[in-house]
Amino acid sequence: MTELKGPMAVAEIRWLPESQGGRSSGPPTAPVYAATATFPGSDAPLLSILVEHIDPQPHGLALANIGFLAPELARPHLHVGAELLITEGPRIVAHAIIRHSLASA
């Protein structure tokens, strides 16, 4: 996938360094990265998330468009300030905070 069509939100993402359990290769470089995510402290299931970096920053920070393969499951939990944990298998690789909800949500 080269472009995320109809993103649901913009999130600020902090990719964890390998020393904290993050990806050994660093933040993903693919145009659209697919992983799993959860909204901590909610009853939301583990969801498949799509991440498209729009403004990479130094030190593992980035602004990104995000979408979900099952948007109807994410929608009730998706609001400005909501936190997400992005995972690869059981390992947390990034923390995200929703900064903007988009009209297509």
PDB file of N, CA and C in Angstrom:
ATOM      1  N   MET A   1       0.848  -1.164   0.000  1.00  0.00           N
ATOM      2  CA  MET A   1       0.000   0.000   0.000  1.00  0.00           C
ATOM      3  C   MET A   1       0.901   1.236   0.000  1.00  0.00           C
ATOM      4  N   THR A   2       0.622   2.150  -0.891  1.00  0.00           N
ATOM      5  CA  THR A   2       1.469   3.336  -1.003  1.00  0.00           C
ATOM      6  C   THR A   2       0.830   4.591  -0.420  1.00  0.00           C
ATOM      7  N   GLU A   3      -0.469   4.529  -0.129  1.00  0.00           N
ATOM      8  CA  GLU A   3      -1.156   5.702   0.396  1.00  0.00           C
ATOM      9  C   GLU A   3      -2.337   5.249   1.245  1.00  0.00           C
ATOM     10  N   LEU A   4      -2.553   5.923   2.364  1.00  0.00           N
ATOM     11  CA  LEU A   4      -3.683   5.623   3.234  1.00  0.00           C
ATOM     12  C   LEU A   4      -4.879   6.443   2.763  1.00  0.00           C
ATOM     13  N   LYS A   5      -5.879   5.766   2.253  1.00  0.00           N
ATOM     14  CA  LYS A   5      -7.073   6.457   1.765  1.00  0.00           C
ATOM     15  C   LYS A   5      -8.086   6.566   2.905  1.00  0.00           C
ATOM     16  N   GLY A   6      -8.625   7.752   3.119  1.00  0.00           N
ATOM     17  CA  GLY A   6      -9.633   7.966   4.148  1.00  0.00           C
ATOM     18  C   GLY A   6      -9.140   7.772   5.563  1.00  0.00           C
ATOM     19  N   PRO A   7      -8.031   8.413   5.951  1.00  0.00           N
ATOM     20  CA  PRO A   7      -7.567   8.264   7.336  1.00  0.00           C
ATOM     21  C   PRO A   7      -8.630   8.758   8.318  1.00  0.00           C
ATOM     22  N   MET A   8      -8.616   8.199   9.503  1.00  0.00           N
ATOM     23  CA  MET A   8      -9.600   8.561  10.526  1.00  0.00           C
ATOM     24  C   MET A   8      -9.111   9.660  11.453  1.00  0.00           C
ATOM     25  N   ALA A   9      -7.787   9.795  11.573  1.00  0.00           N
ATOM     26  CA  ALA A   9      -7.244  10.753  12.536  1.00  0.00           C
ATOM     27  C   ALA A   9      -5.789  11.046  12.218  1.00  0.00           C
ATOM     28  N   VAL A  10      -5.284  12.086  12.875  1.00  0.00           N
ATOM     29  CA  VAL A  10      -3.851  12.384  12.863  1.00  0.00           C
ATOM     30  C   VAL A  10      -3.365  12.144  14.285  1.00  0.00           C
ATOM     31  N   ALA A  11      -2.264  11.422  14.399  1.00  0.00           N
ATOM     32  CA  ALA A  11      -1.708  11.098  15.710  1.00  0.00           C
ATOM     33  C   ALA A  11      -0.258  11.541  15.798  1.00  0.00           C
ATOM     34  N   GLU A  12       0.146  11.878  17.002  1.00  0.00           N
ATOM     35  CA  GLU A  12       1.551  12.113  17.303  1.00  0.00           C
ATOM     36  C   GLU A  12       2.082  10.789  17.834  1.00  0.00           C
ATOM     37  N   ILE A  13       3.106  10.273  17.179  1.00  0.00           N
ATOM     38  CA  ILE A  13       3.637   8.952  17.524  1.00  0.00           C
ATOM     39  C   ILE A  13       5.048   9.094  18.053  1.00  0.00           C
ATOM     40  N   ARG A  14       5.316   8.372  19.127  1.00  0.00           N
ATOM     41  CA  ARG A  14       6.674   8.280  19.661  1.00  0.00           C
ATOM     42  C   ARG A  14       7.111   6.828  19.543  1.00  0.00           C
ATOM     43  N   TRP A  15       8.005   6.588  18.590  1.00  0.00           N
ATOM     44  CA  TRP A  15       8.528   5.239  18.362  1.00  0.00           C
ATOM     45  C   TRP A  15       9.568   4.931  19.432  1.00  0.00           C
ATOM     46  N   LEU A  16       9.434   3.800  20.083  1.00  0.00           N
ATOM     47  CA  LEU A  16      10.366   3.424  21.145  1.00  0.00           C
ATOM     48  C   LEU A  16      11.700   2.976  20.553  1.00  0.00           C
ATOM     49  N   PRO A  17      12.796   3.319  21.225  1.00  0.00           N
ATOM     50  CA  PRO A  17      14.089   2.797  20.781  1.00  0.00           C
ATOM     51  C   PRO A  17      14.176   1.297  21.085  1.00  0.00           C
ATOM     52  N   GLU A  18      15.055   0.628  20.413  1.00  0.00           N
ATOM     53  CA  GLU A  18      15.222  -0.812  20.614  1.00  0.00           C
ATOM     54  C   GLU A  18      15.488  -1.140  22.087  1.00  0.00           C
ATOM     55  N   SER A  19      16.219  -0.275  22.782  1.00  0.00           N
ATOM     56  CA  SER A  19      16.547  -0.521  24.188  1.00  0.00           C
ATOM     57  C   SER A  19      15.308  -0.533  25.091  1.00  0.00           C
ATOM     58  N   GLN A  20      14.186   0.012  24.589  1.00  0.00           N
ATOM     59  CA  GLN A  20      12.936   0.016  25.357  1.00  0.00           C
ATOM     60  C   GLN A  20      11.900  -0.933  24.742  1.00  0.00           C
ATOM     61  N   GLY A  21      12.370  -1.846  23.908  1.00  0.00           N
ATOM     62  CA  GLY A  21      11.485  -2.838  23.303  1.00  0.00           C
ATOM     63  C   GLY A  21      10.994  -2.468  21.923  1.00  0.00           C
ATOM     64  N   GLY A  22      11.450  -1.342  21.380  1.00  0.00           N
ATOM     65  CA  GLY A  22      11.019  -0.896  20.058  1.00  0.00           C
ATOM     66  C   GLY A  22      11.636  -1.707  18.935  1.00  0.00           C
ATOM     67  N   ARG A  23      11.353  -1.289  17.743  1.00  0.00           N
ATOM     68  CA  ARG A  23      11.833  -1.967  16.544  1.00  0.00           C
ATOM     69  C   ARG A  23      13.351  -1.839  16.418  1.00  0.00           C
ATOM     70  N   SER A  24      14.025  -2.935  16.097  1.00  0.00           N
ATOM     71  CA  SER A  24      15.481  -2.886  15.950  1.00  0.00           C
ATOM     72  C   SER A  24      15.881  -2.037  14.746  1.00  0.00           C
ATOM     73  N   SER A  25      15.004  -1.931  13.752  1.00  0.00           N
ATOM     74  CA  SER A  25      15.306  -1.145  12.550  1.00  0.00           C
ATOM     75  C   SER A  25      14.847   0.311  12.668  1.00  0.00           C
ATOM     76  N   GLY A  26      14.308   0.690  13.804  1.00  0.00           N
ATOM     77  CA  GLY A  26      13.837   2.058  13.994  1.00  0.00           C
ATOM     78  C   GLY A  26      12.430   2.247  13.450  1.00  0.00           C
ATOM     79  N   PRO A  27      11.953   3.489  13.403  1.00  0.00           N
ATOM     80  CA  PRO A  27      10.605   3.748  12.878  1.00  0.00           C
ATOM     81  C   PRO A  27      10.456   3.189  11.467  1.00  0.00           C
ATOM     82  N   PRO A  28       9.261   2.732  11.129  1.00  0.00           N
ATOM     83  CA  PRO A  28       9.059   2.155   9.792  1.00  0.00           C
ATOM     84  C   PRO A  28       9.280   3.186   8.688  1.00  0.00           C
ATOM     85  N   THR A  29       9.754   2.701   7.556  1.00  0.00           N
ATOM     86  CA  THR A  29      10.022   3.580   6.416  1.00  0.00           C
ATOM     87  C   THR A  29       9.073   3.320   5.251  1.00  0.00           C
ATOM     88  N   ALA A  30       8.226   2.310   5.359  1.00  0.00           N
ATOM     89  CA  ALA A  30       7.259   2.026   4.288  1.00  0.00           C
ATOM     90  C   ALA A  30       6.266   3.186   4.194  1.00  0.00           C
ATOM     91  N   PRO A  31       5.718   3.428   3.020  1.00  0.00           N
ATOM     92  CA  PRO A  31       4.737   4.515   2.886  1.00  0.00           C
ATOM     93  C   PRO A  31       3.557   4.355   3.848  1.00  0.00           C
ATOM     94  N   VAL A  32       3.067   3.124   3.985  1.00  0.00           N
ATOM     95  CA  VAL A  32       2.001   2.823   4.941  1.00  0.00           C
ATOM     96  C   VAL A  32       2.428   1.587   5.721  1.00  0.00           C
ATOM     97  N   TYR A  33       2.467   1.715   7.014  1.00  0.00           N
ATOM     98  CA  TYR A  33       2.902   0.656   7.926  1.00  0.00           C
ATOM     99  C   TYR A  33       1.665   0.035   8.565  1.00  0.00           C
ATOM    100  N   ALA A  34       1.590  -1.276   8.586  1.00  0.00           N
ATOM    101  CA  ALA A  34       0.471  -1.992   9.205  1.00  0.00           C
ATOM    102  C   ALA A  34       0.965  -2.707  10.450  1.00  0.00           C
ATOM    103  N   ALA A  35       0.188  -2.606  11.507  1.00  0.00           N
ATOM    104  CA  ALA A  35       0.528  -3.254  12.774  1.00  0.00           C
ATOM    105  C   ALA A  35      -0.769  -3.483  13.540  1.00  0.00           C
ATOM    106  N   THR A  36      -0.646  -3.760  14.818  1.00  0.00           N
ATOM    107  CA  THR A  36      -1.802  -3.856  15.692  1.00  0.00           C
ATOM    108  C   THR A  36      -1.716  -2.747  16.721  1.00  0.00           C
ATOM    109  N   ALA A  37      -2.852  -2.409  17.308  1.00  0.00           N
ATOM    110  CA  ALA A  37      -2.884  -1.330  18.296  1.00  0.00           C
ATOM    111  C   ALA A  37      -4.037  -1.560  19.260  1.00  0.00           C
ATOM    112  N   THR A  38      -3.903  -0.949  20.415  1.00  0.00           N
ATOM    113  CA  THR A  38      -4.963  -1.006  21.414  1.00  0.00           C
ATOM    114  C   THR A  38      -5.096   0.354  22.084  1.00  0.00           C
ATOM    115  N   PHE A  39      -6.281   0.661  22.542  1.00  0.00           N
ATOM    116  CA  PHE A  39      -6.534   1.858  23.333  1.00  0.00           C
ATOM    117  C   PHE A  39      -6.439   1.413  24.792  1.00  0.00           C
ATOM    118  N   PRO A  40      -5.351   1.736  25.514  1.00  0.00           N
ATOM    119  CA  PRO A  40      -5.194   1.232  26.877  1.00  0.00           C
ATOM    120  C   PRO A  40      -6.309   1.745  27.787  1.00  0.00           C
ATOM    121  N   GLY A  41      -6.729   0.885  28.707  1.00  0.00           N
ATOM    122  CA  GLY A  41      -7.750   1.267  29.672  1.00  0.00           C
ATOM    123  C   GLY A  41      -9.155   1.278  29.116  1.00  0.00           C
ATOM    124  N   SER A  42      -9.335   0.800  27.891  1.00  0.00           N
ATOM    125  CA  SER A  42     -10.680   0.759  27.310  1.00  0.00           C
ATOM    126  C   SER A  42     -11.062  -0.698  27.068  1.00  0.00           C
ATOM    127  N   ASP A  43     -12.287  -0.877  26.653  1.00  0.00           N
ATOM    128  CA  ASP A  43     -12.742  -2.228  26.324  1.00  0.00           C
ATOM    129  C   ASP A  43     -12.569  -2.538  24.837  1.00  0.00           C
ATOM    130  N   ALA A  44     -11.813  -1.700  24.142  1.00  0.00           N
ATOM    131  CA  ALA A  44     -11.578  -1.914  22.707  1.00  0.00           C
ATOM    132  C   ALA A  44     -10.733  -3.163  22.497  1.00  0.00           C
ATOM    133  N   PRO A  45     -11.050  -3.920  21.458  1.00  0.00           N
ATOM    134  CA  PRO A  45     -10.226  -5.092  21.141  1.00  0.00           C
ATOM    135  C   PRO A  45      -8.899  -4.656  20.526  1.00  0.00           C
ATOM    136  N   LEU A  46      -8.010  -5.610  20.344  1.00  0.00           N
ATOM    137  CA  LEU A  46      -6.780  -5.357  19.599  1.00  0.00           C
ATOM    138  C   LEU A  46      -7.187  -5.123  18.149  1.00  0.00           C
ATOM    139  N   LEU A  47      -6.721  -4.022  17.567  1.00  0.00           N
ATOM    140  CA  LEU A  47      -7.148  -3.607  16.233  1.00  0.00           C
ATOM    141  C   LEU A  47      -5.979  -3.581  15.258  1.00  0.00           C
ATOM    142  N   SER A  48      -6.270  -3.792  13.993  1.00  0.00           N
ATOM    143  CA  SER A  48      -5.262  -3.625  12.943  1.00  0.00           C
ATOM    144  C   SER A  48      -5.237  -2.155  12.558  1.00  0.00           C
ATOM    145  N   ILE A  49      -4.048  -1.541  12.643  1.00  0.00           N
ATOM    146  CA  ILE A  49      -3.889  -0.107  12.396  1.00  0.00           C
ATOM    147  C   ILE A  49      -3.014   0.104  11.167  1.00  0.00           C
ATOM    148  N   LEU A  50      -3.283   1.195  10.461  1.00  0.00           N
ATOM    149  CA  LEU A  50      -2.468   1.623   9.328  1.00  0.00           C
ATOM    150  C   LEU A  50      -1.900   2.992   9.658  1.00  0.00           C
ATOM    151  N   VAL A  51      -0.604   3.165   9.459  1.00  0.00           N
ATOM    152  CA  VAL A  51       0.092   4.401   9.824  1.00  0.00           C
ATOM    153  C   VAL A  51       0.805   4.951   8.602  1.00  0.00           C
ATOM    154  N   GLU A  52       0.556   6.227   8.305  1.00  0.00           N
ATOM    155  CA  GLU A  52       1.221   6.905   7.185  1.00  0.00           C
ATOM    156  C   GLU A  52       1.877   8.173   7.744  1.00  0.00           C
ATOM    157  N   HIS A  53       3.203   8.144   7.868  1.00  0.00           N
ATOM    158  CA  HIS A  53       3.910   9.317   8.386  1.00  0.00           C
ATOM    159  C   HIS A  53       3.698  10.520   7.473  1.00  0.00           C
ATOM    160  N   ILE A  54       3.346  11.663   8.072  1.00  0.00           N
ATOM    161  CA  ILE A  54       3.193  12.886   7.287  1.00  0.00           C
ATOM    162  C   ILE A  54       4.223  13.934   7.690  1.00  0.00           C
ATOM    163  N   ASP A  55       4.814  13.781   8.865  1.00  0.00           N
ATOM    164  CA  ASP A  55       5.819  14.739   9.321  1.00  0.00           C
ATOM    165  C   ASP A  55       6.759  14.060  10.310  1.00  0.00           C
ATOM    166  N   PRO A  56       7.734  13.277   9.810  1.00  0.00           N
ATOM    167  CA  PRO A  56       8.697  12.644  10.707  1.00  0.00           C
ATOM    168  C   PRO A  56       9.532  13.708  11.420  1.00  0.00           C
ATOM    169  N   GLN A  57       9.838  13.475  12.660  1.00  0.00           N
ATOM    170  CA  GLN A  57      10.631  14.371  13.493  1.00  0.00           C
ATOM    171  C   GLN A  57      11.849  13.597  14.012  1.00  0.00           C
ATOM    172  N   PRO A  58      12.818  14.286  14.573  1.00  0.00           N
ATOM    173  CA  PRO A  58      13.954  13.564  15.153  1.00  0.00           C
ATOM    174  C   PRO A  58      13.540  12.822  16.425  1.00  0.00           C
ATOM    175  N   HIS A  59      14.390  11.944  16.854  1.00  0.00           N
ATOM    176  CA  HIS A  59      14.241  11.220  18.121  1.00  0.00           C
ATOM    177  C   HIS A  59      13.009  10.322  18.148  1.00  0.00           C
ATOM    178  N   GLY A  60      12.633   9.737  17.001  1.00  0.00           N
ATOM    179  CA  GLY A  60      11.542   8.777  16.965  1.00  0.00           C
ATOM    180  C   GLY A  60      10.151   9.366  17.030  1.00  0.00           C
ATOM    181  N   LEU A  61      10.018  10.678  16.871  1.00  0.00           N
ATOM    182  CA  LEU A  61       8.698  11.307  16.881  1.00  0.00           C
ATOM    183  C   LEU A  61       8.187  11.485  15.456  1.00  0.00           C
ATOM    184  N   ALA A  62       6.860  11.469  15.295  1.00  0.00           N
ATOM    185  CA  ALA A  62       6.272  11.687  13.970  1.00  0.00           C
ATOM    186  C   ALA A  62       4.805  12.059  14.114  1.00  0.00           C
ATOM    187  N   LEU A  63       4.333  12.853  13.173  1.00  0.00           N
ATOM    188  CA  LEU A  63       2.899  13.022  12.989  1.00  0.00           C
ATOM    189  C   LEU A  63       2.506  12.054  11.890  1.00  0.00           C
ATOM    190  N   ALA A  64       1.360  11.419  12.052  1.00  0.00           N
ATOM    191  CA  ALA A  64       0.959  10.415  11.076  1.00  0.00           C
ATOM    192  C   ALA A  64      -0.549  10.379  10.918  1.00  0.00           C
ATOM    193  N   ASN A  65      -0.987  10.101   9.700  1.00  0.00           N
ATOM    194  CA  ASN A  65      -2.377   9.750   9.461  1.00  0.00           C
ATOM    195  C   ASN A  65      -2.558   8.325   9.939  1.00  0.00           C
ATOM    196  N   ILE A  66      -3.691   8.051  10.555  1.00  0.00           N
ATOM    197  CA  ILE A  66      -3.953   6.671  10.963  1.00  0.00           C
ATOM    198  C   ILE A  66      -5.327   6.236  10.485  1.00  0.00           C
ATOM    199  N   GLY A  67      -5.408   4.960  10.211  1.00  0.00           N
ATOM    200  CA  GLY A  67      -6.661   4.325   9.830  1.00  0.00           C
ATOM    201  C   GLY A  67      -6.702   2.943  10.447  1.00  0.00           C
ATOM    202  N   PHE A  68      -7.835   2.292  10.322  1.00  0.00           N
ATOM    203  CA  PHE A  68      -8.020   0.961  10.903  1.00  0.00           C
ATOM    204  C   PHE A  68      -8.692   0.063   9.884  1.00  0.00           C
ATOM    205  N   LEU A  69      -8.353  -1.223   9.900  1.00  0.00           N
ATOM    206  CA  LEU A  69      -8.991  -2.156   8.980  1.00  0.00           C
ATOM    207  C   LEU A  69     -10.448  -2.394   9.367  1.00  0.00           C
ATOM    208  N   ALA A  70     -10.779  -2.218  10.644  1.00  0.00           N
ATOM    209  CA  ALA A  70     -12.165  -2.315  11.114  1.00  0.00           C
ATOM    210  C   ALA A  70     -12.523  -0.987  11.787  1.00  0.00           C
ATOM    211  N   PRO A  71     -12.765   0.062  10.986  1.00  0.00           N
ATOM    212  CA  PRO A  71     -12.989   1.391  11.561  1.00  0.00           C
ATOM    213  C   PRO A  71     -14.158   1.457  12.537  1.00  0.00           C
ATOM    214  N   GLU A  72     -15.169   0.643  12.328  1.00  0.00           N
ATOM    215  CA  GLU A  72     -16.323   0.668  13.227  1.00  0.00           C
ATOM    216  C   GLU A  72     -15.965   0.239  14.649  1.00  0.00           C
ATOM    217  N   LEU A  73     -14.920  -0.568  14.807  1.00  0.00           N
ATOM    218  CA  LEU A  73     -14.483  -0.984  16.148  1.00  0.00           C
ATOM    219  C   LEU A  73     -13.640   0.094  16.817  1.00  0.00           C
ATOM    220  N   ALA A  74     -12.928   0.881  16.033  1.00  0.00           N
ATOM    221  CA  ALA A  74     -12.070   1.937  16.579  1.00  0.00           C
ATOM    222  C   ALA A  74     -12.851   3.211  16.873  1.00  0.00           C
ATOM    223  N   ARG A  75     -13.848   3.504  16.060  1.00  0.00           N
ATOM    224  CA  ARG A  75     -14.555   4.792  16.111  1.00  0.00           C
ATOM    225  C   ARG A  75     -15.021   5.193  17.514  1.00  0.00           C
ATOM    226  N   PRO A  76     -15.605   4.308  18.332  1.00  0.00           N
ATOM    227  CA  PRO A  76     -16.085   4.746  19.653  1.00  0.00           C
ATOM    228  C   PRO A  76     -14.959   5.193  20.600  1.00  0.00           C
ATOM    229  N   HIS A  77     -13.739   4.798  20.322  1.00  0.00           N
ATOM    230  CA  HIS A  77     -12.604   5.092  21.201  1.00  0.00           C
ATOM    231  C   HIS A  77     -11.719   6.205  20.652  1.00  0.00           C
ATOM    232  N   LEU A  78     -12.021   6.664  19.461  1.00  0.00           N
ATOM    233  CA  LEU A  78     -11.164   7.598  18.741  1.00  0.00           C
ATOM    234  C   LEU A  78     -11.623   9.036  18.973  1.00  0.00           C
ATOM    235  N   HIS A  79     -10.879   9.758  19.799  1.00  0.00           N
ATOM    236  CA  HIS A  79     -11.175  11.161  20.073  1.00  0.00           C
ATOM    237  C   HIS A  79      -9.868  11.882  20.359  1.00  0.00           C
ATOM    238  N   VAL A  80      -9.875  13.192  20.235  1.00  0.00           N
ATOM    239  CA  VAL A  80      -8.672  13.974  20.505  1.00  0.00           C
ATOM    240  C   VAL A  80      -8.213  13.688  21.927  1.00  0.00           C
ATOM    241  N   GLY A  81      -6.934  13.370  22.069  1.00  0.00           N
ATOM    242  CA  GLY A  81      -6.345  13.043  23.364  1.00  0.00           C
ATOM    243  C   GLY A  81      -6.318  11.558  23.684  1.00  0.00           C
ATOM    244  N   ALA A  82      -7.024  10.744  22.889  1.00  0.00           N
ATOM    245  CA  ALA A  82      -7.005   9.295  23.124  1.00  0.00           C
ATOM    246  C   ALA A  82      -5.604   8.753  22.911  1.00  0.00           C
ATOM    247  N   GLU A  83      -5.225   7.803  23.728  1.00  0.00           N
ATOM    248  CA  GLU A  83      -3.907   7.170  23.622  1.00  0.00           C
ATOM    249  C   GLU A  83      -4.032   5.818  22.941  1.00  0.00           C
ATOM    250  N   LEU A  84      -3.011   5.488  22.196  1.00  0.00           N
ATOM    251  CA  LEU A  84      -2.910   4.204  21.515  1.00  0.00           C
ATOM    252  C   LEU A  84      -1.550   3.598  21.800  1.00  0.00           C
ATOM    253  N   LEU A  85      -1.510   2.294  21.926  1.00  0.00           N
ATOM    254  CA  LEU A  85      -0.249   1.566  21.983  1.00  0.00           C
ATOM    255  C   LEU A  85      -0.155   0.772  20.688  1.00  0.00           C
ATOM    256  N   ILE A  86       0.904   1.009  19.925  1.00  0.00           N
ATOM    257  CA  ILE A  86       1.118   0.281  18.680  1.00  0.00           C
ATOM    258  C   ILE A  86       2.019  -0.902  18.989  1.00  0.00           C
ATOM    259  N   THR A  87       1.602  -2.074  18.548  1.00  0.00           N
ATOM    260  CA  THR A  87       2.309  -3.298  18.898  1.00  0.00           C
ATOM    261  C   THR A  87       2.695  -4.105  17.667  1.00  0.00           C
ATOM    262  N   GLU A  88       3.728  -4.885  17.852  1.00  0.00           N
ATOM    263  CA  GLU A  88       4.113  -5.916  16.896  1.00  0.00           C
ATOM    264  C   GLU A  88       4.130  -7.197  17.706  1.00  0.00           C
ATOM    265  N   GLY A  89       3.146  -8.038  17.493  1.00  0.00           N
ATOM    266  CA  GLY A  89       2.974  -9.196  18.364  1.00  0.00           C
ATOM    267  C   GLY A  89       2.683  -8.676  19.767  1.00  0.00           C
ATOM    268  N   PRO A  90       3.302  -9.258  20.787  1.00  0.00           N
ATOM    269  CA  PRO A  90       3.031  -8.810  22.160  1.00  0.00           C
ATOM    270  C   PRO A  90       3.855  -7.585  22.577  1.00  0.00           C
ATOM    271  N   ARG A  91       4.732  -7.113  21.709  1.00  0.00           N
ATOM    272  CA  ARG A  91       5.688  -6.060  22.041  1.00  0.00           C
ATOM    273  C   ARG A  91       5.169  -4.676  21.664  1.00  0.00           C
ATOM    274  N   ILE A  92       5.188  -3.735  22.602  1.00  0.00           N
ATOM    275  CA  ILE A  92       4.824  -2.345  22.325  1.00  0.00           C
ATOM    276  C   ILE A  92       6.007  -1.683  21.628  1.00  0.00           C
ATOM    277  N   VAL A  93       5.753  -1.120  20.438  1.00  0.00           N
ATOM    278  CA  VAL A  93       6.823  -0.472  19.672  1.00  0.00           C
ATOM    279  C   VAL A  93       6.651   1.039  19.588  1.00  0.00           C
ATOM    280  N   ALA A  94       5.443   1.544  19.932  1.00  0.00           N
ATOM    281  CA  ALA A  94       5.211   2.991  19.861  1.00  0.00           C
ATOM    282  C   ALA A  94       4.013   3.380  20.718  1.00  0.00           C
ATOM    283  N   HIS A  95       4.041   4.619  21.170  1.00  0.00           N
ATOM    284  CA  HIS A  95       2.919   5.240  21.868  1.00  0.00           C
ATOM    285  C   HIS A  95       2.391   6.337  20.957  1.00  0.00           C
ATOM    286  N   ALA A  96       1.070   6.482  20.889  1.00  0.00           N
ATOM    287  CA  ALA A  96       0.476   7.511  20.032  1.00  0.00           C
ATOM    288  C   ALA A  96      -0.619   8.247  20.792  1.00  0.00           C
ATOM    289  N   ILE A  97      -0.795   9.508  20.444  1.00  0.00           N
ATOM    290  CA  ILE A  97      -1.883  10.328  20.986  1.00  0.00           C
ATOM    291  C   ILE A  97      -2.609  10.955  19.803  1.00  0.00           C
ATOM    292  N   ILE A  98      -3.926  10.829  19.796  1.00  0.00           N
ATOM    293  CA  ILE A  98      -4.736  11.409  18.723  1.00  0.00           C
ATOM    294  C   ILE A  98      -4.740  12.918  18.876  1.00  0.00           C
ATOM    295  N   ARG A  99      -4.318  13.613  17.836  1.00  0.00           N
ATOM    296  CA  ARG A  99      -4.253  15.082  17.853  1.00  0.00           C
ATOM    297  C   ARG A  99      -5.409  15.728  17.092  1.00  0.00           C
ATOM    298  N   HIS A 100      -5.893  15.043  16.038  1.00  0.00           N
ATOM    299  CA  HIS A 100      -7.004  15.571  15.237  1.00  0.00           C
ATOM    300  C   HIS A 100      -7.856  14.402  14.764  1.00  0.00           C
ATOM    301  N   SER A 101      -9.145  14.559  14.887  1.00  0.00           N
ATOM    302  CA  SER A 101     -10.068  13.596  14.280  1.00  0.00           C
ATOM    303  C   SER A 101     -10.425  14.160  12.909  1.00  0.00           C
ATOM    304  N   LEU A 102     -10.430  13.325  11.887  1.00  0.00           N
ATOM    305  CA  LEU A 102     -10.682  13.804  10.532  1.00  0.00           C
ATOM    306  C   LEU A 102     -12.139  13.562  10.128  1.00  0.00           C
ATOM    307  N   ALA A 103     -12.638  14.416   9.265  1.00  0.00           N
ATOM    308  CA  ALA A 103     -14.051  14.380   8.864  1.00  0.00           C
ATOM    309  C   ALA A 103     -14.458  13.038   8.276  1.00  0.00           C
ATOM    310  N   SER A 104     -13.528  12.339   7.635  1.00  0.00           N
ATOM    311  CA  SER A 104     -13.876  11.055   7.020  1.00  0.00           C
ATOM    312  C   SER A 104     -14.120   9.970   8.053  1.00  0.00           C
ATOM    313  N   ALA A 105     -13.804  10.265   9.336  1.00  0.00           N
ATOM    314  CA  ALA A 105     -14.021   9.269  10.378  1.00  0.00           C
ATOM    315  C   ALA A 105     -15.503   9.083  10.581  1.00  0.00           C
TER     316      ALA A 105
END
